[in-house]
Amino acid sequence: MLRFTEKCSPTSNAGKVLTECLESTLDGYKEFSENYGEDYPNTSKIFSLEDARDLVKKLLDAHKDLKETYYLTDYHYLVIYEILECEKDIYNNAYGDTDVERIGNKEYKLGTAQKEERKEFKRKAKSVEYIEECLFWDLDFLLGKEILLGMDEKHKKQLGFSSETFGVIMGMKPHPDEIKLEIDKEISE
């Protein structure tokens, strides 16, 4: 599993939603590749679509692995963060907030099935928000280049910036070691 709190383990409700988000993204990468840069603006600056797909597949496999716990890097956190943001938008925008859906010039009243699906989508959006609260107590990797370049070394050190964080913010392609999923030996043993 990925190194998160127990609240987001693969067997928890939040973990199941994370699994669904990762799986949905893999399918979406296949179907909607022309929107990749728009849907994943920071990830697409660093990873080609093929590289992102490979990384998400590895993250999904590691998330489902209940025997080992895998340490994540800022590159992994960035990809997961953008996946969750994209999925949350999909869930929140599924049916809107009314019982009427407009298609062209006509209005259609939502049936019971659509209302239940809307409730399920809203529940999943709340789960995604919960996952984000558990995982992303630190969003340094989303800082702008200008802010980072304006900091002196002392300030960067105080904030715990690593060379990896610098690479993510600057949109640099990672060294293979920076995206390798490593087993967290302290937790796995």
Foldseek 3Di string as FASTA:
>chain_A
DEPFPPCCACPHPLVVLLLVLLVVVLVCLVVPVVCVCVLQVLLVLADPSVRLSVLSVVVSVQSPDPQFYWYAFVNNVSSSVSSLVSLLVCLCVVQHDDQWHDDPNDIDGHDPVVVVSNVVSVVSSVSSVVVCVRPPPDDLLQDAPVVVVPDDPVVCVVSVHDVRSVCSNVSYHDDVVNSDTDTPVVVND
